[in-house]
């Protein structure tokens, strides 16, 4: 299994054609079989697997410490102890090989496929600040208008009474019918993470678990984030592993949905990317920025990761400080992306702006 995983990774790094073939003809098999199996359960198998993995590694570390201590005191006793625990470590090696192979098949190969622009023959173009400003103002207007349509409680917070998970799958299937054939097929329902508080400390909205083929989302974050996050994670299940592409597809799926909250979530999901890109493009000139369409107060309140009350609860239950967890999470994510050939790491999320400008070039910025 180690050798097969290594061989597949070597081929993937050197053959984009192999990766494209794999995603089109082989990868869907895992979604239609393994993902259907894990999708039968309402809880996240990936989350449970992570906990079990940590416990296994802790047990392995304790075993090695005990063996070392015994070796210093009594070689015969150490030899007998090692004879009893050796099968455990042998099993751990087999399990590690299996996990590496699964990660290779369900994640690593996908990083070496053709980009979204290459798959759908989208020419790369340079855009002016004026074009970016039109795009940004258009999204701001859409968000401002949709904010007024949201159903809210007495405190002004958005509420939703529909089946959000089913609507997410429906939105993705609808997008597949509109020219994005790779999105066709079965979709398991997204699953909320039980340890969403810990996920919040990482400032993560969701996770795609390659070793369980599940789309998971942060169940503590504010509701306006959930539709776009669900669609984002589901797009990973269809082979779009790059974060900017997943952001873009989630945006398209949401704004083309018949559900007002999904449309609102779609525009909010890209608002910060566009607003930041615009502010940087104008040299952070406040006068120029303020001369453009303003983001309404209600949109600003809805465009949050967690509400203040939710943050207080997260911090109250935290075992490790949020600053420490967030720093470690960013380092891991940055390393993982760069290890898989994404040279700009976390900054790759921002590339969604280019995809948005390509999409709207004939509708908004002309």
Protein backbone atom coordinates (compact mmCIF):
# COMPACT_ATOMS: atom_id res chain seq x y z
CA UNK A 1 0.00 0.00 0.00
CA UNK A 2 2.88 2.35 0.75
CA UNK A 3 4.44 1.55 -2.62
CA UNK A 4 1.15 2.03 -4.48
CA UNK A 5 0.54 5.36 -2.75
CA UNK A 6 4.06 6.51 -3.61
CA UNK A 7 3.68 5.42 -7.25
CA UNK A 8 0.34 7.22 -7.62
CA UNK A 9 1.79 10.41 -6.15
CA UNK A 10 4.78 10.31 -8.48
CA UNK A 11 2.52 9.81 -11.51
CA UNK A 12 0.17 12.58 -10.33
CA UNK A 13 3.02 15.09 -9.99
CA UNK A 14 4.20 14.33 -13.53
CA UNK A 15 0.98 13.73 -15.50
CA UNK A 16 -1.94 16.13 -15.52
CA UNK A 17 -3.63 13.88 -18.10
CA UNK A 18 -3.60 10.96 -15.66
CA UNK A 19 -5.13 13.12 -12.91
CA UNK A 20 -7.86 14.44 -15.20
CA UNK A 21 -8.72 10.89 -16.29
CA UNK A 22 -8.73 9.75 -12.67
CA UNK A 23 -11.11 12.52 -11.54
CA UNK A 24 -13.47 11.95 -14.44
CA UNK A 25 -13.70 8.16 -14.44
CA UNK A 26 -12.34 6.72 -11.18
CA UNK A 27 -12.84 9.25 -8.38
CA UNK A 28 -16.68 9.21 -8.74
CA UNK A 29 -16.57 5.51 -7.79
CA UNK A 30 -15.46 6.39 -4.26
CA UNK A 31 -18.26 8.96 -3.96
CA UNK A 32 -20.88 6.49 -5.16
CA UNK A 33 -19.72 3.69 -2.87
CA UNK A 34 -17.67 4.77 0.13
CA UNK A 35 -19.41 8.15 0.50
CA UNK A 36 -22.80 6.43 0.32
CA UNK A 37 -21.73 4.15 3.15
CA UNK A 38 -20.50 6.90 5.47
CA UNK A 39 -23.42 9.07 4.37
CA UNK A 40 -25.87 6.59 5.91
CA UNK A 41 -25.00 7.99 9.34
CA UNK A 42 -25.97 11.40 10.68
CA UNK A 43 -22.68 11.87 12.56
CA UNK A 44 -19.28 12.56 11.05
CA UNK A 45 -17.15 9.45 10.68
CA UNK A 46 -14.19 11.64 9.80
CA UNK A 47 -14.38 13.40 13.13
CA UNK A 48 -14.52 10.09 14.98
CA UNK A 49 -11.59 8.77 12.95
CA UNK A 50 -9.49 11.77 13.93
CA UNK A 51 -10.21 11.20 17.62
CA UNK A 52 -9.40 7.49 17.31
CA UNK A 53 -6.18 8.34 15.44
CA UNK A 54 -5.06 10.66 18.24
CA UNK A 55 -5.80 7.97 20.85
CA UNK A 56 -3.90 5.36 18.83
CA UNK A 57 -0.87 7.63 18.52
CA UNK A 58 -0.94 8.47 22.23
CA UNK A 59 -1.12 4.76 23.09
CA UNK A 60 1.81 4.10 20.74
CA UNK A 61 3.86 6.85 22.39
CA UNK A 62 3.09 5.51 25.88
CA UNK A 63 4.05 2.00 24.75
CA UNK A 64 7.41 3.19 23.44
CA UNK A 65 8.12 5.06 26.68
CA UNK A 66 7.31 1.98 28.75
CA UNK A 67 9.49 -0.19 26.51
CA UNK A 68 12.39 2.27 26.88
CA UNK A 69 12.06 2.37 30.68
CA UNK A 70 11.92 -1.44 30.91
CA UNK A 71 14.93 -1.72 28.62
CA UNK A 72 16.96 0.35 31.05
CA UNK A 73 15.91 -1.81 34.01
CA UNK A 74 15.51 -5.35 32.69
CA UNK A 75 16.19 -6.45 29.11
CA UNK A 76 14.26 -9.71 29.48
CA UNK A 77 11.20 -7.90 30.82
CA UNK A 78 11.46 -5.37 28.02
CA UNK A 79 11.71 -8.18 25.46
CA UNK A 80 8.56 -9.87 26.83
CA UNK A 81 6.67 -6.56 26.87
CA UNK A 82 7.69 -5.79 23.30
CA UNK A 83 6.59 -9.26 22.18
CA UNK A 84 3.11 -8.56 23.51
CA UNK A 85 2.71 -5.07 22.00
CA UNK A 86 4.44 -5.71 18.67
CA UNK A 87 1.18 -6.75 16.92
CA UNK A 88 -0.27 -3.37 17.91
CA UNK A 89 2.54 -1.47 16.19
CA UNK A 90 2.38 -3.76 13.18
CA UNK A 91 -1.33 -2.98 12.91
CA UNK A 92 -0.57 0.71 13.26
CA UNK A 93 1.80 0.53 10.31
CA UNK A 94 -0.85 -1.22 8.20
CA UNK A 95 -3.42 1.41 9.23
CA UNK A 96 -1.00 4.22 8.34
CA UNK A 97 -0.42 2.69 4.91
CA UNK A 98 -4.17 2.45 4.33
CA UNK A 99 -4.75 6.07 5.38
CA UNK A 100 -1.95 7.29 3.09
CA UNK A 101 -3.40 5.36 0.16
CA UNK A 102 -6.91 6.69 0.81
CA UNK A 103 -5.61 10.25 1.16
CA UNK A 104 -3.73 9.84 -2.11
CA UNK A 105 -6.78 8.57 -3.97
CA UNK A 106 -9.28 11.00 -2.44
CA UNK A 107 -7.16 14.13 -2.11
CA UNK A 108 -3.52 14.29 -3.22
CA UNK A 109 -4.11 13.30 -6.86
CA UNK A 110 -6.80 15.99 -7.20
CA UNK A 111 -4.26 18.75 -6.57
CA UNK A 112 -2.56 17.99 -9.89
CA UNK A 113 -5.59 18.12 -12.18
CA UNK A 114 -6.25 20.80 -14.76
CA UNK A 115 -7.43 24.05 -13.25
CA UNK A 116 -11.00 25.26 -13.54
CA UNK A 117 -10.02 27.70 -16.29
CA UNK A 118 -8.35 24.89 -18.25
CA UNK A 119 -11.29 22.51 -17.85
CA UNK A 120 -13.86 25.06 -19.01
CA UNK A 121 -11.63 26.90 -21.49
CA UNK A 122 -11.75 30.25 -19.69
CA UNK A 123 -9.04 32.59 -21.02
CA UNK A 124 -6.97 34.42 -18.42
CA UNK A 125 -7.48 38.16 -18.67
CA UNK A 126 -6.22 41.20 -16.83
CA UNK A 127 -8.85 43.46 -15.30
CA UNK A 128 -8.76 47.14 -14.46
CA UNK A 129 -9.54 48.72 -11.10
CA UNK A 130 -12.70 50.14 -12.67
CA UNK A 131 -13.88 46.67 -13.64
CA UNK A 132 -13.11 45.35 -10.17
CA UNK A 133 -15.01 48.25 -8.61
CA UNK A 134 -18.10 47.51 -10.71
CA UNK A 135 -17.98 43.89 -9.71
CA UNK A 136 -17.57 44.79 -6.03
CA UNK A 137 -20.42 47.33 -6.13
CA UNK A 138 -22.70 44.83 -7.87
CA UNK A 139 -22.17 42.20 -5.16
CA UNK A 140 -22.65 44.81 -2.43
CA UNK A 141 -25.99 45.83 -3.97
CA UNK A 142 -27.15 42.23 -4.20
CA UNK A 143 -26.22 41.58 -0.58
CA UNK A 144 -27.87 44.79 0.62
CA UNK A 145 -31.10 43.94 -1.21
CA UNK A 146 -31.23 40.31 -0.06
CA UNK A 147 -30.57 41.29 3.56
CA UNK A 148 -34.00 42.93 3.57
CA UNK A 149 -35.69 39.69 2.48
CA UNK A 150 -34.37 37.53 5.31
CA UNK A 151 -36.71 36.20 7.97
CA UNK A 152 -35.40 37.30 11.38
CA UNK A 153 -36.08 36.79 15.07
CA UNK A 154 -36.75 39.55 17.60
CA UNK A 155 -33.03 40.17 17.98
CA UNK A 156 -32.60 40.70 14.23
CA UNK A 157 -30.78 37.42 13.61
CA UNK A 158 -31.53 35.46 10.46
CA UNK A 159 -33.66 32.35 10.95
CA UNK A 160 -34.29 29.47 8.56
CA UNK A 161 -37.02 26.84 8.64
CA UNK A 162 -36.17 24.83 5.52
CA UNK A 163 -34.03 21.74 5.01
CA UNK A 164 -30.67 23.39 4.42
CA UNK A 165 -28.75 20.15 3.80
CA UNK A 166 -31.17 18.96 1.14
CA UNK A 167 -31.22 22.41 -0.46
CA UNK A 168 -27.40 22.39 -0.65
CA UNK A 169 -27.41 19.12 -2.59
CA UNK A 170 -30.22 20.44 -4.79
CA UNK A 171 -28.28 23.62 -5.53
CA UNK A 172 -25.20 21.64 -6.56
CA UNK A 173 -27.22 19.32 -8.80
CA UNK A 174 -28.89 22.31 -10.42
CA UNK A 175 -25.47 23.80 -11.15
CA UNK A 176 -24.40 20.50 -12.72
CA UNK A 177 -27.28 20.82 -15.19
CA UNK A 178 -26.08 24.27 -16.21
CA UNK A 179 -22.86 23.17 -17.86
CA UNK A 180 -20.69 21.90 -15.01
CA UNK A 181 -20.92 18.19 -15.72
CA UNK A 182 -18.27 17.19 -13.18
CA UNK A 183 -20.77 18.12 -10.45
CA UNK A 184 -23.29 15.48 -11.55
CA UNK A 185 -24.21 12.48 -9.43
CA UNK A 186 -24.83 11.53 -5.85
CA UNK A 187 -24.38 13.96 -2.97
CA UNK A 188 -24.27 12.85 0.68
CA UNK A 189 -25.81 15.30 3.11
CA UNK A 190 -23.34 17.69 4.75
CA UNK A 191 -22.72 16.95 8.44
CA UNK A 192 -22.24 19.32 11.34
CA UNK A 193 -19.10 18.79 13.40
CA UNK A 194 -19.68 17.84 17.04
CA UNK A 195 -16.50 19.68 18.04
CA UNK A 196 -17.57 22.85 16.23
CA UNK A 197 -16.25 24.95 19.11
CA UNK A 198 -12.73 23.66 18.45
CA UNK A 199 -13.30 24.19 14.72
CA UNK A 200 -14.30 27.78 15.49
CA UNK A 201 -11.03 28.32 17.34
CA UNK A 202 -9.31 27.41 14.07
CA UNK A 203 -11.51 29.96 12.26
CA UNK A 204 -12.61 27.14 9.96
CA UNK A 205 -16.04 27.07 8.35
CA UNK A 206 -15.87 23.45 7.25
CA UNK A 207 -13.76 20.45 6.34
CA UNK A 208 -13.71 17.86 3.59
CA UNK A 209 -12.50 14.60 5.14
CA UNK A 210 -10.86 12.56 2.32
CA UNK A 211 -10.55 9.45 4.49
CA UNK A 212 -14.31 9.34 5.14
CA UNK A 213 -15.52 11.17 2.00
CA UNK A 214 -17.70 13.55 3.99
CA UNK A 215 -18.55 17.24 3.67
CA UNK A 216 -18.50 18.69 7.19
CA UNK A 217 -19.41 22.16 8.39
CA UNK A 218 -19.06 24.25 11.53
CA UNK A 219 -22.42 24.05 13.32
CA UNK A 220 -21.61 26.96 15.67
CA UNK A 221 -20.92 29.62 13.04
CA UNK A 222 -23.58 32.16 12.11
CA UNK A 223 -26.30 30.82 9.86
CA UNK A 224 -25.46 33.02 6.85
CA UNK A 225 -22.20 31.09 6.43
CA UNK A 226 -23.76 27.64 6.32
CA UNK A 227 -25.30 27.39 2.81
CA UNK A 228 -22.14 28.52 1.00
CA UNK A 229 -19.94 26.37 3.25
CA UNK A 230 -22.04 23.26 2.59
CA UNK A 231 -21.82 23.81 -1.16
CA UNK A 232 -18.09 24.54 -0.88
CA UNK A 233 -17.38 21.25 0.88
CA UNK A 234 -19.67 19.31 -1.48
CA UNK A 235 -17.70 20.66 -4.45
CA UNK A 236 -14.59 18.98 -3.00
CA UNK A 237 -16.48 15.68 -3.20
CA UNK A 238 -16.73 16.19 -6.94
CA UNK A 239 -12.99 16.59 -7.41
CA UNK A 240 -12.63 20.38 -7.17
CA UNK A 241 -9.98 20.39 -4.46
CA UNK A 242 -8.58 23.90 -4.98
CA UNK A 243 -10.08 26.31 -2.46
CA UNK A 244 -10.65 29.18 -4.87
CA UNK A 245 -12.54 26.86 -7.22
CA UNK A 246 -14.63 25.47 -4.37
CA UNK A 247 -15.40 29.05 -3.28
CA UNK A 248 -16.44 29.94 -6.81
CA UNK A 249 -18.67 26.89 -7.32
CA UNK A 250 -20.29 27.42 -3.93
CA UNK A 251 -21.00 31.02 -4.94
CA UNK A 252 -22.56 29.95 -8.25
CA UNK A 253 -24.64 27.18 -6.66
CA UNK A 254 -25.97 29.54 -4.00
CA UNK A 255 -26.86 32.55 -6.18
CA UNK A 256 -28.64 30.29 -8.67
CA UNK A 257 -30.70 28.65 -5.94
CA UNK A 258 -34.40 29.46 -5.53
CA UNK A 259 -33.81 29.84 -1.79
CA UNK A 260 -33.28 33.48 -0.65
CA UNK A 261 -30.93 32.52 2.21
CA UNK A 262 -28.74 30.53 -0.17
CA UNK A 263 -28.53 33.49 -2.56
CA UNK A 264 -27.69 35.80 0.33
CA UNK A 265 -25.07 33.40 1.64
CA UNK A 266 -23.54 33.16 -1.83
CA UNK A 267 -23.01 36.89 -2.14
CA UNK A 268 -21.77 37.19 1.44
CA UNK A 269 -19.28 34.37 0.85
CA UNK A 270 -17.35 36.45 -1.72
CA UNK A 271 -18.03 39.95 -0.40
CA UNK A 272 -14.91 40.16 1.77
CA UNK A 273 -12.65 38.85 -1.01
CA UNK A 274 -13.92 41.49 -3.44
CA UNK A 275 -14.02 44.30 -0.91
CA UNK A 276 -10.45 43.63 0.25
CA UNK A 277 -9.18 43.31 -3.32
CA UNK A 278 -10.86 46.59 -4.28
CA UNK A 279 -9.52 48.44 -1.23
CA UNK A 280 -6.00 47.22 -1.99
CA UNK A 281 -6.33 48.08 -5.70
CA UNK A 282 -7.19 51.73 -4.92
CA UNK A 283 -4.16 52.04 -2.68
CA UNK A 284 -6.29 51.88 0.47
CA UNK A 285 -7.60 55.36 -0.30
CA UNK A 286 -10.52 55.92 2.11
CA UNK A 287 -11.99 58.80 0.09
CA UNK A 288 -12.19 56.71 -3.07
CA UNK A 289 -13.54 53.74 -1.11
CA UNK A 290 -16.28 55.81 0.53
CA UNK A 291 -17.36 57.20 -2.84
CA UNK A 292 -18.54 53.72 -3.86
CA UNK A 293 -21.62 51.79 -2.82
CA UNK A 294 -21.67 51.27 0.92
CA UNK A 295 -22.21 47.92 2.62
CA UNK A 296 -25.35 48.29 4.71
CA UNK A 297 -25.26 48.02 8.48
CA UNK A 298 -27.46 44.94 8.47
CA UNK A 299 -25.14 43.19 5.98
CA UNK A 300 -22.17 43.99 8.18
CA UNK A 301 -23.96 42.38 11.14
CA UNK A 302 -24.81 39.29 9.07
CA UNK A 303 -21.34 39.03 7.53
CA UNK A 304 -19.70 37.54 10.64
CA UNK A 305 -18.11 34.21 11.41
CA UNK A 306 -19.60 33.77 14.88
CA UNK A 307 -21.95 35.98 16.86
CA UNK A 308 -20.54 37.56 20.05
CA UNK A 309 -22.62 35.16 22.18
CA UNK A 310 -21.32 32.15 20.26
CA UNK A 311 -17.72 33.34 20.69
CA UNK A 312 -18.21 33.70 24.44
CA UNK A 313 -19.47 30.12 24.66
CA UNK A 314 -16.56 28.85 22.54
CA UNK A 315 -14.01 30.63 24.71
CA UNK A 316 -15.70 29.40 27.89
CA UNK A 317 -15.40 25.75 26.81
CA UNK A 318 -11.93 26.09 25.26
CA UNK A 319 -9.24 23.78 26.65
CA UNK A 320 -6.46 25.45 24.63
CA UNK A 321 -6.35 29.17 23.85
CA UNK A 322 -7.90 30.21 20.55
CA UNK A 323 -4.73 32.06 19.57
CA UNK A 324 -2.66 28.88 19.92
CA UNK A 325 -5.18 26.69 18.10
CA UNK A 326 -5.59 29.18 15.26
CA UNK A 327 -1.84 29.57 14.81
CA UNK A 328 -1.32 25.80 14.68
CA UNK A 329 -4.25 25.35 12.29
CA UNK A 330 -2.94 27.99 9.88
CA UNK A 331 0.53 26.45 9.92
CA UNK A 332 -0.92 22.99 9.16
CA UNK A 333 -3.17 24.28 6.37
CA UNK A 334 -0.37 26.32 4.84
CA UNK A 335 1.98 23.34 4.95
CA UNK A 336 -0.60 20.94 3.53
CA UNK A 337 -1.43 23.20 0.59
CA UNK A 338 2.21 23.89 -0.26
CA UNK A 339 3.08 20.20 0.09
CA UNK A 340 0.48 19.49 -2.60
CA UNK A 341 1.88 22.06 -5.00
CA UNK A 342 -0.25 25.10 -4.08
CA UNK A 343 2.66 27.52 -3.81
CA UNK A 344 0.70 30.48 -2.43
CA UNK A 345 -0.88 28.35 0.31
CA UNK A 346 -3.76 30.00 2.18
CA UNK A 347 -3.55 33.02 -0.12
CA UNK A 348 -4.95 30.78 -2.89
CA UNK A 349 -8.43 31.34 -1.43
CA UNK A 350 -8.22 34.92 -2.74
CA UNK A 351 -7.92 33.73 -6.34
CA UNK A 352 -11.70 33.41 -6.40
CA UNK A 353 -11.74 37.13 -7.33
CA UNK A 354 -10.26 36.32 -10.74
CA UNK A 355 -12.87 33.63 -11.35
CA UNK A 356 -15.63 36.03 -10.36
CA UNK A 357 -14.36 38.69 -12.76
CA UNK A 358 -14.22 36.11 -15.56
CA UNK A 359 -17.81 35.08 -14.82
CA UNK A 360 -19.21 38.59 -14.72
CA UNK A 361 -17.18 40.16 -17.51
CA UNK A 362 -20.18 40.17 -19.87
CA UNK A 363 -22.86 40.80 -17.25
CA UNK A 364 -21.52 43.45 -14.90
CA UNK A 365 -18.22 45.07 -15.79
CA UNK A 366 -18.83 45.92 -19.47
